[in-house]
Amino acid sequence: MRAKLLISVALPALLLAGCNSREGTSASYPSGPQEMAEAADTAAVDPGAERYAKNDISPIRAVAQAPVSTFAVDVDTASYANVRRFLTQGQMPPRDAVRAEELVNYFRYDYPAPETRGAPFSITTDVAQTPWNPETRLLRIGLRGYDLGRTQRPPANLVFLVDVSGSMDAPDKLPLVKRALGLVADNMRAGDHVSIVVYSGAAGVVLDPTSRPEEVRAALDDLSAGGSTAGGEGIELAYELARKNFSADGINRVILATDGDFNVGITDQAQLEQLIEKERDDGITLTTLGFGQGNLNDAMMEAIADKGNGNYAYIDGIDEARKVLDSELSSTLFTIAKDVKVQVEFNPAEVSQYRLIGYENRALQEQDFQNDKVDAGDIGAGHQVTAIYEIVPAGAKGWLPDRHFAANRQPESAGEGAGKGELAQVRLRYKLPEGGASRLITQPVEASLMRGAAMPRGDLAFAVAVAGFAQKLRGDDLLGEWGYADVKRLAGAQWGFSQQAWWRSEFLRLVDLADTQTRTASVARREEDRAL
């Protein structure tokens, strides 16, 4: 049954203090070649009232001092859709809005499916020459979770938590929310239940749990925007409703749809995260869907989705809504592995230096890998995770200078006889959805892959092109003279499979838009210089 709610529109809008961003330091970006300097200038746009977490570009590591790299997996895709929004509107995205791993993981690659569900995902590794640096190589690590058909998904207890505050009164906000969540209603199966909570100056239930899609759509249609944003209060009410209708053998999830402009209610981010973590540990997860522009709180939405063992997507149009909430709904909802961590140990006999492209805010301490109390990323059915390392072969010219003191240098005999011809060892830890102790998977990467490496081809070429594109948008000077035209050439012939062809062709359009913005900014700068 639907319940009526009187939403207050009189509360004043208060500025959020504690929820503006996660802790972080401002990144510094050294100067590079002229084209890179121009790209960096255009990327450093003022995000205005939008909020993004500050993340330094991943540092270079010497294997002699730091042979092990550890990070939590990331299946979020919000950054790609948000970057697309900026470029489509004729702007370069702010650097901190670009998370390289989310751009790479927006696309699917031709990884093999796991042979059995005993191991919930397969592991693929390959090595290629680096298009932008002849001295280095690229190591790709790919995970693919097992697929789950629509009819195989367990019953879902879903609570839509919808922001109906005044800030949502825009065509790309609440009206798009209604259409997007309507897709979930269209995909309801027998046994599913959906309820709706809204928040503005106050929070309330507008739809009690129902298994009838038409009731969900009707309740969504009736929503309208107005008032300030009691986001914290709304989350508490949504979790309360999810607990009352908890499905022991099913999916229990809150889906938050908002621009992230919380300004009334729980305004301390630490308190909010503690609430979400507690509910996560009790079996209720959280997905965040970002909408609109101008006051998007990207930092908040990414942070609470991480704490809620869910995922964060930015919905910039109905096509993106279909991708996230229709074709990829099983991945969005059904978790097949929890707290997935990746650790790579490099063999100093084969590799002298390395850097991980992206995953800056997913980095873990080495000791965190074996600590089952440390939270990490989750993988849903059919999800894929790709990580790319740029590595310097032993004896090749690297980024770091030689050490002055002999004791600080890698011994000439380092790694002799060790590794049995291995370039690196990849280790993964994960928990099954029902929890328990973590499980370990270990897979060696043969050194022969590096010595016989060719330029990237096929799927790997496309993944590398996307990673390079993300680095350019972030102003990464290690790309040298490699430009947008090179990105497009590398990606251009790799159309992929099924609907991936559409998304990949759109990527080429975004590369063109970024190139145009860079050139336009360069011309404007030269004209300003002449005027002076």
Protein backbone atom coordinates (compact mmCIF):
# COMPACT_ATOMS: atom_id res chain seq x y z
CA MET A 1 0.00 0.00 0.00
CA ARG A 2 1.14 3.54 -0.72
CA ALA A 3 1.32 6.07 2.06
CA LYS A 4 1.00 9.83 1.72
CA LEU A 5 3.82 12.11 2.83
CA LEU A 6 3.79 15.85 3.43
CA ILE A 7 7.24 17.12 2.57
CA SER A 8 8.41 20.30 4.24
CA VAL A 9 9.76 22.97 1.91
CA ALA A 10 10.41 25.59 4.57
CA LEU A 11 13.68 24.38 6.04
CA PRO A 12 16.62 26.52 4.95
CA ALA A 13 19.43 24.93 2.97
CA LEU A 14 22.48 24.45 5.16
CA LEU A 15 25.93 24.00 3.78
CA LEU A 16 27.43 20.57 4.33
CA ALA A 17 30.70 20.73 6.20
CA GLY A 18 31.62 17.24 7.27
CA CYS A 19 30.53 15.50 4.04
CA ASN A 20 32.33 17.55 1.45
CA SER A 21 35.15 15.15 0.70
CA ARG A 22 37.21 12.32 1.93
CA GLU A 23 40.56 13.00 3.49
CA GLY A 24 43.27 13.56 0.92
CA THR A 25 46.03 15.85 -0.19
CA SER A 26 46.19 18.05 -3.23
CA ALA A 27 48.14 16.49 -6.06
CA SER A 28 51.03 18.27 -7.75
CA TYR A 29 51.64 17.71 -11.42
CA PRO A 30 55.13 18.34 -12.86
CA SER A 31 55.56 20.03 -16.20
CA GLY A 32 55.81 17.95 -19.35
CA PRO A 33 56.02 18.55 -23.11
CA GLN A 34 54.00 21.38 -24.63
CA GLU A 35 51.03 19.22 -25.61
CA MET A 36 50.87 17.79 -22.11
CA ALA A 37 51.05 21.26 -20.60
CA GLU A 38 48.15 22.36 -22.79
CA ALA A 39 46.11 19.30 -21.82
CA ALA A 40 46.84 19.89 -18.15
CA ASP A 41 45.72 23.50 -18.39
CA THR A 42 42.40 22.57 -19.95
CA ALA A 43 41.88 19.73 -17.47
CA ALA A 44 42.24 22.00 -14.46
CA VAL A 45 38.77 23.48 -14.70
CA ASP A 46 37.01 24.82 -11.63
CA PRO A 47 34.40 22.22 -10.58
CA GLY A 48 32.38 24.98 -8.91
CA ALA A 49 30.12 23.57 -6.21
CA GLU A 50 30.80 19.98 -7.29
CA ARG A 51 32.95 18.00 -4.87
CA TYR A 52 35.65 15.48 -5.77
CA ALA A 53 38.07 13.61 -3.53
CA LYS A 54 41.70 14.65 -3.97
CA ASN A 55 43.98 11.86 -5.16
CA ASP A 56 47.61 12.00 -6.22
CA ILE A 57 48.61 10.18 -9.38
CA SER A 58 49.96 6.74 -8.44
CA PRO A 59 53.66 7.01 -7.55
CA ILE A 60 56.56 5.20 -9.17
CA ARG A 61 58.00 2.41 -7.02
CA ALA A 62 61.44 0.81 -7.07
CA VAL A 63 61.17 -2.97 -6.74
CA ALA A 64 64.30 -3.03 -4.55
CA GLN A 65 62.51 -0.90 -1.94
CA ALA A 66 58.84 -1.80 -2.53
CA PRO A 67 58.46 -5.12 -4.35
CA VAL A 68 54.79 -5.58 -3.40
CA SER A 69 51.74 -3.62 -4.63
CA THR A 70 48.37 -4.14 -2.92
CA PHE A 71 44.95 -2.69 -3.73
CA ALA A 72 41.23 -3.34 -3.39
CA VAL A 73 39.26 -4.01 -6.56
CA ASP A 74 36.94 -1.35 -7.94
CA VAL A 75 33.86 -1.99 -10.08
CA ASP A 76 32.48 1.56 -9.99
CA THR A 77 31.91 3.25 -13.35
CA ALA A 78 30.72 6.71 -12.27
CA SER A 79 33.87 8.50 -13.38
CA TYR A 80 33.51 7.49 -17.03
CA ALA A 81 29.93 8.72 -17.34
CA ASN A 82 30.83 11.94 -15.53
CA VAL A 83 33.82 12.54 -17.82
CA ARG A 84 31.48 11.98 -20.77
CA ARG A 85 29.11 14.61 -19.38
CA PHE A 86 31.88 17.23 -19.17
CA LEU A 87 33.29 16.51 -22.63
CA THR A 88 29.86 16.43 -24.27
CA GLN A 89 29.15 19.86 -22.80
CA GLY A 90 32.39 21.28 -24.23
CA GLN A 91 34.47 21.20 -21.03
CA MET A 92 37.46 19.23 -19.88
CA PRO A 93 36.72 17.38 -16.62
CA PRO A 94 38.45 18.38 -13.39
CA ARG A 95 41.47 16.16 -12.77
CA ASP A 96 40.02 14.73 -9.58
CA ALA A 97 36.86 13.68 -11.43
CA VAL A 98 38.96 11.27 -13.52
CA ARG A 99 39.61 7.88 -11.92
CA ALA A 100 41.55 5.83 -14.45
CA GLU A 101 40.38 2.43 -13.23
CA GLU A 102 36.73 3.44 -13.56
CA LEU A 103 37.28 4.46 -17.18
CA VAL A 104 39.02 1.17 -17.99
CA ASN A 105 36.43 -0.92 -16.11
CA TYR A 106 33.51 0.79 -17.84
CA PHE A 107 34.11 -1.61 -20.74
CA ARG A 108 34.00 -5.38 -20.94
CA TYR A 109 36.88 -7.43 -22.29
CA ASP A 110 37.09 -10.93 -23.68
CA TYR A 111 38.21 -12.64 -20.48
CA PRO A 112 37.25 -16.32 -20.13
CA ALA A 113 34.46 -17.19 -17.74
CA PRO A 114 35.47 -19.18 -14.65
CA GLU A 115 35.28 -22.93 -15.23
CA THR A 116 33.24 -23.56 -12.09
CA ARG A 117 31.57 -21.51 -9.39
CA GLY A 118 33.98 -23.04 -6.90
CA ALA A 119 36.27 -20.14 -7.80
CA PRO A 120 33.95 -17.19 -8.46
CA PHE A 121 36.18 -15.51 -11.03
CA SER A 122 38.87 -16.24 -13.60
CA ILE A 123 42.27 -14.51 -13.72
CA THR A 124 43.89 -13.39 -16.97
CA THR A 125 47.37 -11.87 -17.28
CA ASP A 126 49.18 -10.57 -20.35
CA VAL A 127 52.10 -8.29 -21.18
CA ALA A 128 52.63 -5.82 -24.04
CA GLN A 129 54.99 -3.09 -25.14
CA THR A 130 54.09 0.37 -23.91
CA PRO A 131 52.89 2.59 -26.78
CA TRP A 132 54.16 5.78 -25.12
CA ASN A 133 57.51 4.50 -23.79
CA PRO A 134 59.75 1.98 -25.62
CA GLU A 135 61.70 1.30 -22.42
CA THR A 136 58.71 -0.02 -20.42
CA ARG A 137 56.14 -2.78 -20.66
CA LEU A 138 52.50 -3.06 -19.58
CA LEU A 139 51.19 -5.87 -17.37
CA ARG A 140 47.43 -6.34 -17.44
CA ILE A 141 45.55 -8.32 -14.80
CA GLY A 142 41.93 -9.15 -15.58
CA LEU A 143 39.25 -10.74 -13.40
CA ARG A 144 35.88 -11.96 -14.60
CA GLY A 145 33.11 -13.11 -12.30
CA TYR A 146 30.75 -15.90 -13.24
CA ASP A 147 27.61 -14.86 -15.08
CA LEU A 148 24.12 -15.03 -13.63
CA GLY A 149 21.06 -15.05 -15.86
CA ARG A 150 18.07 -12.86 -15.03
CA THR A 151 16.02 -15.89 -14.05
CA GLN A 152 18.79 -17.15 -11.73
CA ARG A 153 18.96 -14.03 -9.59
CA PRO A 154 17.72 -14.56 -6.01
CA PRO A 155 14.72 -12.54 -4.83
CA ALA A 156 15.52 -8.91 -4.02
CA ASN A 157 14.41 -6.72 -1.16
CA LEU A 158 15.14 -3.26 -2.55
CA VAL A 159 14.56 0.13 -0.98
CA PHE A 160 14.72 3.10 -3.33
CA LEU A 161 15.94 6.13 -1.38
CA VAL A 162 15.11 9.13 -3.55
CA ASP A 163 16.27 12.70 -3.03
CA VAL A 164 13.30 15.02 -3.72
CA SER A 165 14.90 18.19 -2.37
CA GLY A 166 14.84 21.48 -4.25
CA SER A 167 18.28 20.82 -5.77
CA MET A 168 16.76 17.86 -7.66
CA ASP A 169 14.36 20.09 -9.59
CA ALA A 170 16.10 19.85 -12.98
CA PRO A 171 15.48 17.71 -16.09
CA ASP A 172 18.66 15.67 -15.55
CA LYS A 173 17.83 14.99 -11.90
CA LEU A 174 14.45 13.87 -10.50
CA PRO A 175 12.74 13.28 -13.89
CA LEU A 176 15.69 11.11 -14.93
CA VAL A 177 15.63 9.35 -11.54
CA LYS A 178 12.02 8.35 -12.15
CA ARG A 179 12.82 6.88 -15.57
CA ALA A 180 15.95 5.13 -14.31
CA LEU A 181 14.34 3.47 -11.29
CA GLY A 182 11.39 2.57 -13.48
CA LEU A 183 13.77 0.25 -15.33
CA VAL A 184 14.34 -1.67 -12.09
CA ALA A 185 10.56 -1.98 -11.69
CA ASP A 186 10.39 -3.36 -15.24
CA ASN A 187 12.93 -6.02 -14.26
CA MET A 188 11.13 -7.18 -11.11
CA ARG A 189 10.69 -10.93 -10.79
CA ALA A 190 8.50 -13.15 -8.64
CA GLY A 191 9.64 -12.81 -5.05
CA ASP A 192 11.08 -9.31 -5.47
CA HIS A 193 9.84 -6.49 -3.25
CA VAL A 194 10.47 -2.78 -3.75
CA SER A 195 9.72 0.06 -1.34
CA ILE A 196 10.39 3.78 -1.71
CA VAL A 197 11.63 6.30 0.84
CA VAL A 198 12.03 9.98 -0.04
CA TYR A 199 13.89 12.71 1.75
CA SER A 200 13.77 16.47 1.59
CA GLY A 201 13.09 18.72 4.58
CA ALA A 202 11.84 15.50 6.16
CA ALA A 203 12.01 11.82 5.27
CA GLY A 204 9.13 9.44 4.83
CA VAL A 205 7.86 6.25 3.24
CA VAL A 206 5.85 6.78 0.06
CA LEU A 207 5.62 3.12 -0.92
CA ASP A 208 5.51 0.17 1.44
CA PRO A 209 7.07 -3.08 0.13
CA THR A 210 5.27 -4.30 -2.98
CA SER A 211 5.85 -6.99 -5.57
CA ARG A 212 3.75 -5.18 -8.18
CA PRO A 213 5.78 -3.19 -10.74
CA GLU A 214 2.84 -0.95 -11.62
CA GLU A 215 2.66 0.27 -8.02
CA VAL A 216 6.37 1.11 -8.08
CA ARG A 217 6.03 3.07 -11.32
CA ALA A 218 2.94 4.92 -10.06
CA ALA A 219 4.72 5.95 -6.85
CA LEU A 220 7.72 7.17 -8.83
CA ASP A 221 5.50 9.17 -11.16
CA ASP A 222 3.98 11.04 -8.21
CA LEU A 223 7.31 12.32 -6.83
CA SER A 224 8.12 16.03 -7.04
CA ALA A 225 11.05 18.12 -5.81
CA GLY A 226 11.17 20.83 -3.15
CA GLY A 227 12.84 21.68 0.16
CA SER A 228 16.24 21.11 1.73
CA THR A 229 17.95 17.75 2.03
CA ALA A 230 17.65 15.52 5.11
CA GLY A 231 19.89 12.89 3.53
CA GLY A 232 21.14 11.30 6.75
CA GLU A 233 17.62 10.92 8.11
CA GLY A 234 16.49 9.37 4.84
CA ILE A 235 19.26 6.77 4.93
CA GLU A 236 18.33 5.76 8.46
CA LEU A 237 14.68 5.32 7.46
CA ALA A 238 15.61 3.35 4.33
CA TYR A 239 17.75 0.93 6.33
CA GLU A 240 14.98 0.54 8.90
CA LEU A 241 12.58 -0.45 6.13
CA ALA A 242 15.14 -2.85 4.61
CA ARG A 243 15.60 -4.53 8.00
CA LYS A 244 11.85 -4.99 8.49
CA ASN A 245 11.59 -6.82 5.17
CA PHE A 246 14.96 -8.58 5.30
CA SER A 247 15.28 -11.59 2.97
CA ALA A 248 17.60 -14.17 4.54
CA ASP A 249 18.19 -15.97 1.23
CA GLY A 250 17.95 -12.98 -1.07
CA ILE A 251 19.42 -9.60 -1.94
CA ASN A 252 18.94 -6.77 0.54
CA ARG A 253 19.99 -3.41 -0.82
CA VAL A 254 19.29 0.29 -0.52
CA ILE A 255 19.57 2.18 -3.83
CA LEU A 256 20.22 5.87 -3.22
CA ALA A 257 19.43 8.29 -6.06
CA THR A 258 20.65 11.84 -5.48
CA ASP A 259 22.95 14.64 -6.54
CA GLY A 260 24.66 14.05 -3.19
CA ASP A 261 23.84 17.47 -1.77
CA PHE A 262 23.20 16.37 1.83
CA ASN A 263 22.69 19.44 3.98
CA VAL A 264 20.27 18.48 6.79
CA GLY A 265 20.37 15.41 9.04
CA ILE A 266 23.62 13.50 9.60
CA THR A 267 26.22 16.00 8.38
CA ASP A 268 29.26 14.26 9.85
CA GLN A 269 30.68 11.90 7.24
CA ALA A 270 32.29 9.64 9.85
CA GLN A 271 28.90 9.08 11.52
CA LEU A 272 27.25 8.41 8.19
CA GLU A 273 29.92 5.88 7.22
CA GLN A 274 29.65 4.13 10.59
CA LEU A 275 25.90 3.72 10.07
CA ILE A 276 26.43 2.31 6.59
CA GLU A 277 29.19 -0.06 7.72
CA LYS A 278 26.99 -1.47 10.49
CA GLU A 279 24.14 -2.15 8.09
CA ARG A 280 26.58 -3.68 5.60
CA ASP A 281 27.83 -6.08 8.25
CA ASP A 282 24.22 -7.07 8.92
CA GLY A 283 23.69 -7.95 5.26
CA ILE A 284 22.20 -4.75 3.77
CA THR A 285 24.33 -3.19 1.05
CA LEU A 286 24.19 0.24 -0.59
CA THR A 287 24.31 1.36 -4.21
CA THR A 288 24.59 5.07 -5.00
CA LEU A 289 23.37 6.64 -8.24
CA GLY A 290 24.51 10.18 -8.98
CA PHE A 291 22.43 12.58 -11.06
CA GLY A 292 22.74 16.10 -12.42
CA GLN A 293 25.39 18.77 -12.29
CA GLY A 294 26.35 21.92 -10.49
CA ASN A 295 26.35 20.53 -6.96
CA LEU A 296 27.25 16.87 -7.54
CA ASN A 297 28.93 15.45 -4.43
CA ASP A 298 31.00 12.78 -6.16
CA ALA A 299 33.35 12.37 -3.18
CA MET A 300 30.53 11.60 -0.77
CA MET A 301 28.74 9.19 -3.07
CA GLU A 302 31.84 7.19 -3.91
CA ALA A 303 32.84 7.01 -0.24
CA ILE A 304 29.51 5.75 1.10
CA ALA A 305 29.08 3.23 -1.73
CA ASP A 306 32.51 1.82 -0.81
CA LYS A 307 31.51 1.58 2.84
CA GLY A 308 28.21 -0.03 1.87
CA ASN A 309 29.81 -2.81 -0.21
CA GLY A 310 27.90 -1.56 -3.22
CA ASN A 311 28.80 0.35 -6.34
CA TYR A 312 28.60 3.94 -7.51
CA ALA A 313 27.33 4.91 -10.95
CA TYR A 314 26.69 8.34 -12.44
CA ILE A 315 23.57 8.49 -14.61
CA ASP A 316 23.95 11.17 -17.28
CA GLY A 317 21.10 9.96 -19.48
CA ILE A 318 18.62 7.19 -20.08
CA ASP A 319 21.15 5.13 -22.08
CA GLU A 320 23.44 4.99 -19.04
CA ALA A 321 20.45 4.10 -16.87
CA ARG A 322 19.69 1.16 -19.17
CA LYS A 323 23.30 0.00 -18.99
CA VAL A 324 23.46 0.09 -15.18
CA LEU A 325 19.90 -0.83 -14.20
CA ASP A 326 18.82 -3.09 -17.05
CA SER A 327 21.56 -4.93 -18.94
CA GLU A 328 23.92 -4.99 -15.94
CA LEU A 329 21.32 -5.29 -13.18
CA SER A 330 22.52 -8.70 -11.97
CA SER A 331 26.07 -7.33 -11.63
CA THR A 332 24.72 -4.32 -9.77
CA LEU A 333 22.72 -6.36 -7.29
CA PHE A 334 24.15 -9.86 -6.80
CA THR A 335 27.51 -10.17 -5.04
CA ILE A 336 29.59 -13.27 -5.81
CA ALA A 337 32.77 -12.35 -3.88
CA LYS A 338 33.41 -9.94 -1.02
CA ASP A 339 36.49 -8.04 0.14
CA VAL A 340 38.46 -8.82 -3.00
CA LYS A 341 42.09 -7.72 -2.76
CA VAL A 342 44.87 -7.96 -5.32
CA GLN A 343 48.55 -8.18 -4.45
CA VAL A 344 51.37 -8.27 -6.99
CA GLU A 345 54.92 -9.15 -6.00
CA PHE A 346 57.52 -8.27 -8.64
CA ASN A 347 60.67 -10.30 -9.22
CA PRO A 348 63.70 -7.93 -8.92
CA ALA A 349 65.61 -10.11 -11.38
CA GLU A 350 63.07 -9.12 -14.05
CA VAL A 351 61.55 -5.77 -13.01
CA SER A 352 63.29 -2.72 -11.54
CA GLN A 353 60.44 -0.17 -11.28
CA TYR A 354 56.67 -0.07 -11.66
CA ARG A 355 53.57 2.05 -11.29
CA LEU A 356 49.90 1.10 -11.06
CA ILE A 357 47.67 3.10 -13.40
CA GLY A 358 44.72 4.30 -11.33
CA TYR A 359 43.39 2.79 -8.08
CA GLU A 360 44.88 5.72 -6.16
CA ASN A 361 42.13 5.70 -3.55
CA ARG A 362 42.00 1.89 -3.42
CA ALA A 363 45.61 1.37 -2.32
CA LEU A 364 46.15 -0.89 0.70
CA GLN A 365 49.09 -1.49 2.98
CA GLU A 366 50.94 -4.74 2.35
CA GLN A 367 49.84 -6.12 5.72
CA ASP A 368 46.19 -5.41 4.88
CA PHE A 369 46.20 -8.21 2.33
CA GLN A 370 46.11 -10.97 4.94
CA ASN A 371 43.96 -9.06 7.42
CA ASP A 372 40.38 -10.25 6.98
CA LYS A 373 39.12 -7.32 9.03
CA VAL A 374 40.20 -4.84 6.35
CA ASP A 375 37.28 -4.01 4.04
CA ALA A 376 37.86 -4.16 0.29
CA GLY A 377 35.88 -4.18 -2.94
CA ASP A 378 33.14 -6.60 -3.92
CA ILE A 379 32.53 -8.28 -7.28
CA GLY A 380 29.04 -8.89 -8.66
CA ALA A 381 27.87 -11.55 -11.08
CA GLY A 382 29.42 -10.94 -14.48
CA HIS A 383 31.58 -8.09 -13.21
CA GLN A 384 35.02 -7.58 -14.66
CA VAL A 385 38.01 -5.88 -13.06
CA THR A 386 41.08 -4.74 -15.00
CA ALA A 387 44.32 -3.38 -13.57
CA ILE A 388 47.28 -2.22 -15.65
CA TYR A 389 50.84 -1.81 -14.38
CA GLU A 390 53.57 -0.02 -16.30
CA ILE A 391 56.84 -1.78 -15.51
CA VAL A 392 60.53 -1.22 -16.26
CA PRO A 393 62.41 -4.41 -17.21
CA ALA A 394 65.61 -5.00 -15.24
CA GLY A 395 68.47 -3.24 -17.02
CA ALA A 396 66.21 -0.89 -19.01
CA LYS A 397 66.09 2.88 -18.56
CA GLY A 398 63.56 3.75 -15.89
CA TRP A 399 62.02 6.86 -14.40
CA LEU A 400 64.02 6.92 -11.17
CA PRO A 401 67.70 7.98 -11.06
CA ASP A 402 70.44 5.68 -9.78
CA ARG A 403 71.11 5.83 -6.06
CA HIS A 404 74.28 7.61 -4.94
CA PHE A 405 75.13 5.37 -2.00
CA ALA A 406 76.04 1.78 -2.80
CA ALA A 407 73.96 0.44 0.10
CA ASN A 408 70.84 1.98 -1.45
CA ARG A 409 71.33 0.33 -4.83
CA GLN A 410 69.90 -2.98 -5.90
CA PRO A 411 72.67 -5.62 -5.65
CA GLU A 412 73.87 -6.97 -9.00
CA SER A 413 72.94 -10.47 -7.86
CA ALA A 414 69.42 -9.51 -6.75
CA GLY A 415 66.94 -12.18 -7.67
CA GLU A 416 69.44 -14.61 -9.20
CA GLY A 417 67.95 -18.07 -9.28
CA ALA A 418 64.73 -16.79 -7.71
CA GLY A 419 61.28 -16.76 -9.20
CA LYS A 420 61.93 -19.69 -11.58
CA GLY A 421 61.54 -17.45 -14.61
CA GLU A 422 58.64 -15.49 -13.15
CA LEU A 423 58.04 -11.83 -13.87
CA ALA A 424 55.69 -11.47 -10.91
CA GLN A 425 53.33 -13.38 -8.70
CA VAL A 426 49.68 -12.30 -8.58
CA ARG A 427 47.78 -13.09 -5.39
CA LEU A 428 44.07 -12.58 -4.74
CA ARG A 429 42.10 -12.82 -1.55
CA TYR A 430 38.32 -12.91 -1.40
CA LYS A 431 35.46 -14.04 0.79
CA LEU A 432 32.34 -15.83 -0.33
CA PRO A 433 29.12 -13.77 -0.06
CA GLU A 434 28.12 -15.51 3.15
CA GLY A 435 31.41 -14.42 4.72
CA GLY A 436 33.88 -16.53 6.68
CA ALA A 437 37.65 -16.66 6.30
CA SER A 438 39.16 -15.30 3.11
CA ARG A 439 40.41 -17.60 0.36
CA LEU A 440 43.69 -17.22 -1.52
CA ILE A 441 44.39 -17.65 -5.23
CA THR A 442 47.98 -17.45 -6.48
CA GLN A 443 49.02 -17.18 -10.12
CA PRO A 444 52.52 -16.64 -11.52
CA VAL A 445 53.26 -14.38 -14.50
CA GLU A 446 55.96 -15.89 -16.65
CA ALA A 447 58.94 -13.67 -17.53
CA SER A 448 58.83 -14.97 -21.10
CA LEU A 449 55.66 -12.89 -21.62
CA MET A 450 57.72 -9.72 -21.15
CA ARG A 451 60.64 -10.76 -23.32
CA GLY A 452 58.31 -11.70 -26.17
CA ALA A 453 55.94 -8.76 -25.73
CA ALA A 454 54.52 -7.11 -28.84
CA MET A 455 52.54 -3.91 -29.19
CA PRO A 456 49.02 -4.20 -27.71
CA ARG A 457 46.42 -5.85 -29.93
CA GLY A 458 42.73 -6.60 -29.69
CA ASP A 459 41.07 -6.12 -26.32
CA LEU A 460 44.37 -5.28 -24.67
CA ALA A 461 44.92 -2.44 -27.15
CA PHE A 462 41.55 -0.93 -26.28
CA ALA A 463 42.14 -1.23 -22.53
CA VAL A 464 45.55 0.46 -22.90
CA ALA A 465 44.03 3.22 -25.03
CA VAL A 466 41.43 3.95 -22.33
CA ALA A 467 44.11 3.93 -19.62
CA GLY A 468 46.23 6.34 -21.66
CA PHE A 469 43.23 8.59 -22.25
CA ALA A 470 42.53 8.74 -18.52
CA GLN A 471 46.15 9.63 -17.82
CA LYS A 472 46.06 12.45 -20.35
CA LEU A 473 42.93 13.87 -18.76
CA ARG A 474 44.71 13.77 -15.40
CA GLY A 475 47.77 15.60 -16.77
CA ASP A 476 50.14 12.65 -16.29
CA ASP A 477 53.49 13.73 -17.78
CA LEU A 478 54.87 10.18 -18.13
CA LEU A 479 53.02 9.81 -21.44
CA GLY A 480 55.63 12.01 -23.11
CA GLU A 481 54.54 13.09 -26.60
CA TRP A 482 51.79 10.47 -26.85
CA GLY A 483 48.62 12.37 -27.66
CA TYR A 484 44.91 12.02 -28.29
CA ALA A 485 45.49 11.04 -31.92
CA ASP A 486 47.60 8.12 -30.65
CA VAL A 487 44.83 7.12 -28.25
CA LYS A 488 42.38 7.03 -31.11
CA ARG A 489 44.68 5.07 -33.42
CA LEU A 490 45.28 2.42 -30.76
CA ALA A 491 41.60 2.06 -29.87
CA GLY A 492 40.04 2.63 -33.26
CA ALA A 493 39.95 -0.87 -34.73
CA GLN A 494 39.06 -2.72 -31.53
CA TRP A 495 35.26 -2.79 -31.72
CA GLY A 496 34.73 -5.59 -29.24
CA PHE A 497 31.61 -7.70 -29.19
CA SER A 498 27.79 -7.30 -28.97
CA GLN A 499 26.73 -3.97 -27.45
CA GLN A 500 30.34 -3.16 -26.56
CA ALA A 501 30.75 -1.92 -30.13
CA TRP A 502 28.40 0.98 -29.36
CA TRP A 503 30.18 2.01 -26.17
CA ARG A 504 33.59 1.72 -27.82
CA SER A 505 32.58 3.84 -30.79
CA GLU A 506 31.32 6.46 -28.34
CA PHE A 507 34.72 6.40 -26.63
CA LEU A 508 36.33 7.46 -29.92
CA ARG A 509 33.95 10.42 -30.04
CA LEU A 510 35.01 11.45 -26.52
CA VAL A 511 38.67 11.30 -27.54
CA ASP A 512 37.87 13.66 -30.43
CA LEU A 513 36.05 16.03 -28.07
CA ALA A 514 39.00 16.10 -25.65
CA ASP A 515 41.40 16.73 -28.53
CA THR A 516 39.23 19.61 -29.78
CA GLN A 517 39.05 21.17 -26.31
CA THR A 518 42.83 20.96 -25.95
CA ARG A 519 43.46 22.58 -29.32
CA THR A 520 40.89 25.30 -28.71
CA ALA A 521 42.45 26.14 -25.36
CA SER A 522 45.90 26.23 -26.96
CA VAL A 523 44.77 28.70 -29.63
CA ALA A 524 43.07 30.90 -27.04
CA ARG A 525 46.22 30.93 -24.93
CA ARG A 526 48.39 31.98 -27.87
CA GLU A 527 45.98 34.80 -28.70
CA GLU A 528 46.11 35.99 -25.08
CA ASP A 529 49.91 35.92 -25.17
CA ARG A 530 49.95 38.03 -28.36
CA ALA A 531 47.53 40.51 -26.81
CA LEU A 532 49.93 40.97 -23.88
